[in-house]
Amino acid sequence: MVKAIPVATCRERVDCKIIFMNRFRVWAVCLTVAAGSLPLLMGAKGDAAKGKEVFETSCAMCHNADSDEKKMGPGLKGLFKKDKLADGKKASEANIRGRIEDGGQGMPGFKDTLEDQQKEDLIAYLKTL
């Protein structure tokens, strides 16, 4: 013999399912927002406007930003579009960061002079040239 489920129990189960579905939707929205914000939370990218300020105070005395003509160091216009840097290395973010930090060929290193975020900002600016 089949037992009949009381109406109150059915309503409680339906209410429970609705509550569970709403909680699931809230979690799904939270995870989506968090995943989209991850690069910002990690500080993965720099601010080009702030990077321009770093360039003007730390780099502009030796490098041109608006041309590829040599000042004391090479002009940096189109730096990330070039195949190779002056030292023959590929113009990649890692190699450019290494040059900023370690210097070389007459350029001083800025590893201890610039903070990590300033380097990120500077690289973001250099990508706009």
N, C-alpha and C. Protein backbone atom coordinates (compact mmCIF):
# COMPACT_ATOMS: atom_id res chain seq x y z
N MET A 1 0.82 -1.15 0.00
CA MET A 1 0.00 0.00 0.00
C MET A 1 0.88 1.24 0.00
N VAL A 2 0.52 2.22 -0.83
CA VAL A 2 1.29 3.46 -0.96
C VAL A 2 0.82 4.44 0.07
N LYS A 3 1.81 5.01 0.75
CA LYS A 3 1.48 6.01 1.76
C LYS A 3 1.29 7.35 1.11
N ALA A 4 0.30 8.06 1.48
CA ALA A 4 0.07 9.42 0.97
C ALA A 4 0.92 10.37 1.79
N ILE A 5 1.58 11.30 1.07
CA ILE A 5 2.41 12.30 1.74
C ILE A 5 1.50 13.45 2.13
N PRO A 6 1.56 13.83 3.39
CA PRO A 6 0.72 14.95 3.83
C PRO A 6 1.04 16.20 3.02
N VAL A 7 0.04 17.03 2.79
CA VAL A 7 0.19 18.26 2.00
C VAL A 7 1.23 19.18 2.64
N ALA A 8 1.26 19.32 3.94
CA ALA A 8 2.21 20.19 4.62
C ALA A 8 3.64 19.76 4.32
N THR A 9 3.89 18.45 4.30
CA THR A 9 5.24 17.95 4.03
C THR A 9 5.65 18.26 2.60
N CYS A 10 4.71 18.14 1.66
CA CYS A 10 4.98 18.48 0.27
C CYS A 10 5.36 19.95 0.14
N ARG A 11 4.63 20.80 0.79
CA ARG A 11 4.92 22.24 0.73
C ARG A 11 6.29 22.53 1.33
N GLU A 12 6.63 21.87 2.40
CA GLU A 12 7.94 22.07 3.03
C GLU A 12 9.06 21.65 2.08
N ARG A 13 8.84 20.56 1.38
CA ARG A 13 9.85 20.10 0.43
C ARG A 13 10.00 21.07 -0.73
N VAL A 14 8.90 21.57 -1.24
CA VAL A 14 8.93 22.54 -2.33
C VAL A 14 9.63 23.81 -1.86
N ASP A 15 9.28 24.29 -0.66
CA ASP A 15 9.93 25.47 -0.11
C ASP A 15 11.43 25.24 0.05
N CYS A 16 11.78 24.06 0.49
CA CYS A 16 13.19 23.71 0.68
C CYS A 16 13.93 23.73 -0.65
N LYS A 17 13.30 23.18 -1.70
CA LYS A 17 13.92 23.18 -3.02
C LYS A 17 14.09 24.59 -3.54
N ILE A 18 13.11 25.44 -3.32
CA ILE A 18 13.19 26.83 -3.78
C ILE A 18 14.31 27.55 -3.06
N ILE A 19 14.41 27.34 -1.76
CA ILE A 19 15.49 27.96 -0.99
C ILE A 19 16.84 27.48 -1.50
N PHE A 20 16.97 26.18 -1.75
CA PHE A 20 18.21 25.63 -2.25
C PHE A 20 18.56 26.21 -3.61
N MET A 21 17.57 26.34 -4.50
CA MET A 21 17.80 26.89 -5.83
C MET A 21 18.24 28.35 -5.72
N ASN A 22 17.63 29.11 -4.83
CA ASN A 22 18.02 30.51 -4.67
C ASN A 22 19.46 30.62 -4.14
N ARG A 23 19.80 29.77 -3.19
CA ARG A 23 21.17 29.77 -2.67
C ARG A 23 22.15 29.42 -3.78
N PHE A 24 21.79 28.45 -4.60
CA PHE A 24 22.66 28.07 -5.71
C PHE A 24 22.85 29.23 -6.67
N ARG A 25 21.80 29.95 -6.99
CA ARG A 25 21.90 31.10 -7.89
C ARG A 25 22.80 32.18 -7.29
N VAL A 26 22.66 32.43 -5.99
CA VAL A 26 23.50 33.43 -5.33
C VAL A 26 24.96 33.01 -5.42
N TRP A 27 25.25 31.75 -5.14
CA TRP A 27 26.63 31.26 -5.24
C TRP A 27 27.15 31.37 -6.67
N ALA A 28 26.32 31.03 -7.64
CA ALA A 28 26.75 31.10 -9.04
C ALA A 28 27.09 32.54 -9.43
N VAL A 29 26.27 33.48 -9.01
CA VAL A 29 26.54 34.89 -9.30
C VAL A 29 27.83 35.34 -8.61
N CYS A 30 28.00 34.98 -7.35
CA CYS A 30 29.21 35.35 -6.60
C CYS A 30 30.47 34.79 -7.27
N LEU A 31 30.42 33.54 -7.68
CA LEU A 31 31.59 32.93 -8.33
C LEU A 31 31.89 33.60 -9.67
N THR A 32 30.85 33.95 -10.41
CA THR A 32 31.06 34.62 -11.69
C THR A 32 31.70 35.98 -11.49
N VAL A 33 31.22 36.75 -10.54
CA VAL A 33 31.79 38.06 -10.24
C VAL A 33 33.23 37.92 -9.76
N ALA A 34 33.47 36.96 -8.89
CA ALA A 34 34.82 36.75 -8.36
C ALA A 34 35.79 36.35 -9.48
N ALA A 35 35.36 35.49 -10.37
CA ALA A 35 36.24 35.05 -11.46
C ALA A 35 36.56 36.21 -12.39
N GLY A 36 35.61 37.07 -12.65
CA GLY A 36 35.84 38.23 -13.50
C GLY A 36 36.73 39.26 -12.84
N SER A 37 36.75 39.31 -11.53
CA SER A 37 37.55 40.28 -10.79
C SER A 37 38.92 39.76 -10.41
N LEU A 38 39.21 38.52 -10.68
CA LEU A 38 40.46 37.91 -10.25
C LEU A 38 41.70 38.68 -10.70
N PRO A 39 41.82 39.08 -11.96
CA PRO A 39 43.02 39.84 -12.35
C PRO A 39 43.16 41.14 -11.58
N LEU A 40 42.05 41.80 -11.29
CA LEU A 40 42.12 43.05 -10.53
C LEU A 40 42.54 42.80 -9.09
N LEU A 41 42.01 41.71 -8.50
CA LEU A 41 42.36 41.38 -7.13
C LEU A 41 43.82 40.97 -7.01
N MET A 42 44.35 40.34 -8.03
CA MET A 42 45.73 39.90 -8.00
C MET A 42 46.70 41.03 -8.34
N GLY A 43 46.18 42.13 -8.82
CA GLY A 43 47.06 43.22 -9.19
C GLY A 43 47.95 42.85 -10.36
N ALA A 44 47.44 42.05 -11.30
CA ALA A 44 48.23 41.51 -12.37
C ALA A 44 48.68 42.54 -13.38
N LYS A 45 47.97 43.63 -13.50
CA LYS A 45 48.29 44.59 -14.54
C LYS A 45 48.52 45.96 -13.95
N GLY A 46 49.28 46.74 -14.69
CA GLY A 46 49.62 48.09 -14.25
C GLY A 46 48.70 49.13 -14.84
N ASP A 47 48.88 50.34 -14.37
CA ASP A 47 48.12 51.51 -14.80
C ASP A 47 49.03 52.36 -15.68
N ALA A 48 48.69 52.49 -16.96
CA ALA A 48 49.54 53.20 -17.91
C ALA A 48 49.71 54.68 -17.54
N ALA A 49 48.67 55.30 -16.98
CA ALA A 49 48.78 56.71 -16.59
C ALA A 49 49.81 56.90 -15.48
N LYS A 50 49.78 55.99 -14.51
CA LYS A 50 50.79 56.04 -13.44
C LYS A 50 52.16 55.68 -13.99
N GLY A 51 52.19 54.77 -14.96
CA GLY A 51 53.44 54.38 -15.58
C GLY A 51 54.10 55.53 -16.33
N LYS A 52 53.27 56.40 -16.91
CA LYS A 52 53.81 57.59 -17.59
C LYS A 52 54.53 58.48 -16.58
N GLU A 53 53.96 58.61 -15.40
CA GLU A 53 54.61 59.41 -14.34
C GLU A 53 55.94 58.78 -13.95
N VAL A 54 55.97 57.45 -13.81
CA VAL A 54 57.21 56.75 -13.47
C VAL A 54 58.24 56.98 -14.58
N PHE A 55 57.80 56.88 -15.83
CA PHE A 55 58.70 57.10 -16.96
C PHE A 55 59.29 58.50 -16.92
N GLU A 56 58.44 59.49 -16.69
CA GLU A 56 58.91 60.88 -16.70
C GLU A 56 59.92 61.16 -15.59
N THR A 57 59.77 60.50 -14.44
CA THR A 57 60.69 60.76 -13.33
C THR A 57 61.93 59.87 -13.36
N SER A 58 61.84 58.69 -13.95
CA SER A 58 62.95 57.74 -13.87
C SER A 58 63.61 57.40 -15.20
N CYS A 59 62.93 57.64 -16.31
CA CYS A 59 63.44 57.14 -17.60
C CYS A 59 63.65 58.23 -18.65
N ALA A 60 62.83 59.29 -18.59
CA ALA A 60 62.80 60.28 -19.67
C ALA A 60 64.12 61.02 -19.86
N MET A 61 64.96 61.08 -18.83
CA MET A 61 66.23 61.78 -19.00
C MET A 61 67.17 61.03 -19.95
N CYS A 62 66.94 59.74 -20.15
CA CYS A 62 67.80 58.94 -21.02
C CYS A 62 67.08 58.36 -22.24
N HIS A 63 65.75 58.27 -22.21
CA HIS A 63 64.99 57.62 -23.29
C HIS A 63 63.91 58.54 -23.82
N ASN A 64 63.72 58.51 -25.15
CA ASN A 64 62.59 59.19 -25.78
C ASN A 64 61.39 58.26 -25.76
N ALA A 65 60.23 58.80 -25.45
CA ALA A 65 58.99 58.01 -25.49
C ALA A 65 58.27 58.20 -26.82
N ASP A 66 58.50 59.34 -27.46
CA ASP A 66 57.74 59.67 -28.66
C ASP A 66 58.49 59.40 -29.97
N SER A 67 59.67 58.81 -29.88
CA SER A 67 60.40 58.43 -31.09
C SER A 67 61.30 57.25 -30.77
N ASP A 68 61.86 56.67 -31.83
CA ASP A 68 62.81 55.57 -31.60
C ASP A 68 64.25 56.06 -31.75
N GLU A 69 64.42 57.40 -31.77
CA GLU A 69 65.76 57.98 -31.83
C GLU A 69 66.45 57.85 -30.49
N LYS A 70 67.76 57.63 -30.55
CA LYS A 70 68.55 57.47 -29.35
C LYS A 70 68.74 58.81 -28.65
N LYS A 71 68.59 58.81 -27.34
CA LYS A 71 68.93 59.95 -26.50
C LYS A 71 70.27 59.55 -25.87
N MET A 72 70.28 59.11 -24.63
CA MET A 72 71.45 58.41 -24.07
C MET A 72 71.25 56.92 -24.27
N GLY A 73 70.00 56.49 -24.04
CA GLY A 73 69.59 55.12 -24.31
C GLY A 73 68.69 55.12 -25.52
N PRO A 74 68.29 53.96 -25.98
CA PRO A 74 67.45 53.88 -27.18
C PRO A 74 66.08 54.51 -26.97
N GLY A 75 65.51 55.06 -28.05
CA GLY A 75 64.14 55.54 -28.01
C GLY A 75 63.21 54.36 -27.84
N LEU A 76 62.11 54.56 -27.12
CA LEU A 76 61.25 53.43 -26.75
C LEU A 76 59.91 53.40 -27.47
N LYS A 77 59.71 54.29 -28.44
CA LYS A 77 58.46 54.25 -29.19
C LYS A 77 58.35 52.91 -29.92
N GLY A 78 57.22 52.25 -29.77
CA GLY A 78 56.99 50.97 -30.42
C GLY A 78 57.81 49.83 -29.84
N LEU A 79 58.23 49.97 -28.59
CA LEU A 79 59.11 48.99 -27.96
C LEU A 79 58.55 47.57 -28.03
N PHE A 80 57.29 47.40 -27.69
CA PHE A 80 56.70 46.05 -27.67
C PHE A 80 56.36 45.54 -29.07
N LYS A 81 56.46 46.39 -30.07
CA LYS A 81 56.18 45.98 -31.45
C LYS A 81 57.45 45.50 -32.15
N LYS A 82 58.60 45.77 -31.53
CA LYS A 82 59.87 45.38 -32.14
C LYS A 82 60.09 43.88 -31.99
N ASP A 83 60.85 43.32 -32.92
CA ASP A 83 61.20 41.91 -32.83
C ASP A 83 62.22 41.66 -31.74
N LYS A 84 63.20 42.57 -31.63
CA LYS A 84 64.29 42.38 -30.68
C LYS A 84 64.63 43.69 -29.98
N LEU A 85 65.18 43.56 -28.79
CA LEU A 85 65.69 44.70 -28.05
C LEU A 85 67.11 45.01 -28.55
N ALA A 86 67.71 46.08 -28.04
CA ALA A 86 69.05 46.48 -28.46
C ALA A 86 70.09 45.39 -28.16
N ASP A 87 69.84 44.57 -27.13
CA ASP A 87 70.78 43.50 -26.78
C ASP A 87 70.52 42.20 -27.54
N GLY A 88 69.56 42.22 -28.47
CA GLY A 88 69.26 41.05 -29.29
C GLY A 88 68.20 40.13 -28.73
N LYS A 89 67.76 40.38 -27.49
CA LYS A 89 66.72 39.54 -26.89
C LYS A 89 65.35 39.92 -27.45
N LYS A 90 64.42 38.97 -27.38
CA LYS A 90 63.05 39.20 -27.83
C LYS A 90 62.41 40.30 -26.99
N ALA A 91 61.62 41.15 -27.62
CA ALA A 91 60.94 42.25 -26.91
C ALA A 91 59.70 41.72 -26.19
N SER A 92 59.94 40.93 -25.14
CA SER A 92 58.84 40.36 -24.35
C SER A 92 58.74 41.11 -23.03
N GLU A 93 57.62 40.94 -22.38
CA GLU A 93 57.41 41.59 -21.09
C GLU A 93 58.46 41.15 -20.07
N ALA A 94 58.79 39.87 -20.07
CA ALA A 94 59.77 39.35 -19.12
C ALA A 94 61.16 39.94 -19.37
N ASN A 95 61.58 40.04 -20.64
CA ASN A 95 62.88 40.60 -20.95
C ASN A 95 62.96 42.09 -20.64
N ILE A 96 61.88 42.79 -20.91
CA ILE A 96 61.86 44.23 -20.62
C ILE A 96 61.85 44.46 -19.12
N ARG A 97 61.10 43.65 -18.38
CA ARG A 97 61.11 43.76 -16.92
C ARG A 97 62.51 43.47 -16.38
N GLY A 98 63.17 42.48 -16.95
CA GLY A 98 64.53 42.16 -16.55
C GLY A 98 65.49 43.32 -16.80
N ARG A 99 65.33 43.98 -17.93
CA ARG A 99 66.19 45.13 -18.24
C ARG A 99 65.92 46.27 -17.27
N ILE A 100 64.65 46.50 -16.93
CA ILE A 100 64.30 47.55 -15.96
C ILE A 100 64.93 47.23 -14.61
N GLU A 101 64.83 46.00 -14.19
CA GLU A 101 65.33 45.61 -12.87
C GLU A 101 66.85 45.56 -12.81
N ASP A 102 67.49 44.96 -13.81
CA ASP A 102 68.92 44.71 -13.75
C ASP A 102 69.77 45.74 -14.48
N GLY A 103 69.14 46.50 -15.39
CA GLY A 103 69.91 47.46 -16.18
C GLY A 103 70.79 46.73 -17.17
N GLY A 104 71.86 47.41 -17.60
CA GLY A 104 72.80 46.80 -18.54
C GLY A 104 73.10 47.74 -19.68
N GLN A 105 74.28 47.60 -20.27
CA GLN A 105 74.73 48.43 -21.38
C GLN A 105 74.64 49.92 -21.03
N GLY A 106 75.10 50.28 -19.84
CA GLY A 106 75.10 51.68 -19.41
C GLY A 106 73.86 52.11 -18.65
N MET A 107 72.81 51.31 -18.67
CA MET A 107 71.58 51.65 -17.95
C MET A 107 71.65 51.12 -16.52
N PRO A 108 71.33 51.96 -15.54
CA PRO A 108 71.30 51.46 -14.16
C PRO A 108 70.09 50.56 -13.94
N GLY A 109 70.19 49.65 -13.01
CA GLY A 109 69.06 48.80 -12.64
C GLY A 109 68.14 49.52 -11.67
N PHE A 110 66.86 49.22 -11.76
CA PHE A 110 65.86 49.86 -10.89
C PHE A 110 65.17 48.85 -9.98
N LYS A 111 65.82 47.70 -9.78
CA LYS A 111 65.23 46.64 -8.97
C LYS A 111 64.88 47.12 -7.56
N ASP A 112 65.80 47.85 -6.95
CA ASP A 112 65.59 48.34 -5.59
C ASP A 112 65.04 49.75 -5.55
N THR A 113 65.04 50.44 -6.68
CA THR A 113 64.58 51.82 -6.74
C THR A 113 63.07 51.92 -6.94
N LEU A 114 62.54 51.07 -7.82
CA LEU A 114 61.10 51.09 -8.11
C LEU A 114 60.40 49.94 -7.39
N GLU A 115 59.21 50.22 -6.89
CA GLU A 115 58.39 49.16 -6.29
C GLU A 115 57.80 48.29 -7.40
N ASP A 116 57.37 47.08 -7.05
CA ASP A 116 56.82 46.16 -8.04
C ASP A 116 55.65 46.77 -8.81
N GLN A 117 54.76 47.48 -8.10
CA GLN A 117 53.61 48.08 -8.78
C GLN A 117 54.05 49.17 -9.74
N GLN A 118 55.09 49.92 -9.38
CA GLN A 118 55.61 50.95 -10.29
C GLN A 118 56.16 50.31 -11.56
N LYS A 119 56.81 49.17 -11.43
CA LYS A 119 57.32 48.45 -12.60
C LYS A 119 56.16 47.97 -13.48
N GLU A 120 55.11 47.47 -12.85
CA GLU A 120 53.92 47.04 -13.61
C GLU A 120 53.31 48.23 -14.35
N ASP A 121 53.22 49.37 -13.66
CA ASP A 121 52.67 50.58 -14.27
C ASP A 121 53.55 51.03 -15.43
N LEU A 122 54.87 51.01 -15.23
CA LEU A 122 55.80 51.42 -16.28
C LEU A 122 55.66 50.52 -17.51
N ILE A 123 55.57 49.22 -17.30
CA ILE A 123 55.42 48.29 -18.42
C ILE A 123 54.10 48.54 -19.14
N ALA A 124 53.03 48.81 -18.39
CA ALA A 124 51.74 49.13 -19.01
C ALA A 124 51.88 50.37 -19.89
N TYR A 125 52.63 51.37 -19.42
CA TYR A 125 52.84 52.58 -20.21
C TYR A 125 53.67 52.28 -21.45
N LEU A 126 54.74 51.53 -21.29
CA LEU A 126 55.60 51.20 -22.43
C LEU A 126 54.82 50.47 -23.53
N LYS A 127 53.83 49.70 -23.14
CA LYS A 127 53.00 48.99 -24.14
C LYS A 127 52.16 49.96 -24.96
N THR A 128 51.94 51.17 -24.46
CA THR A 128 51.13 52.14 -25.19
C THR A 128 51.95 52.94 -26.19
N LEU A 129 53.26 52.84 -26.12
CA LEU A 129 54.12 53.67 -26.99
C LEU A 129 54.15 53.14 -28.41
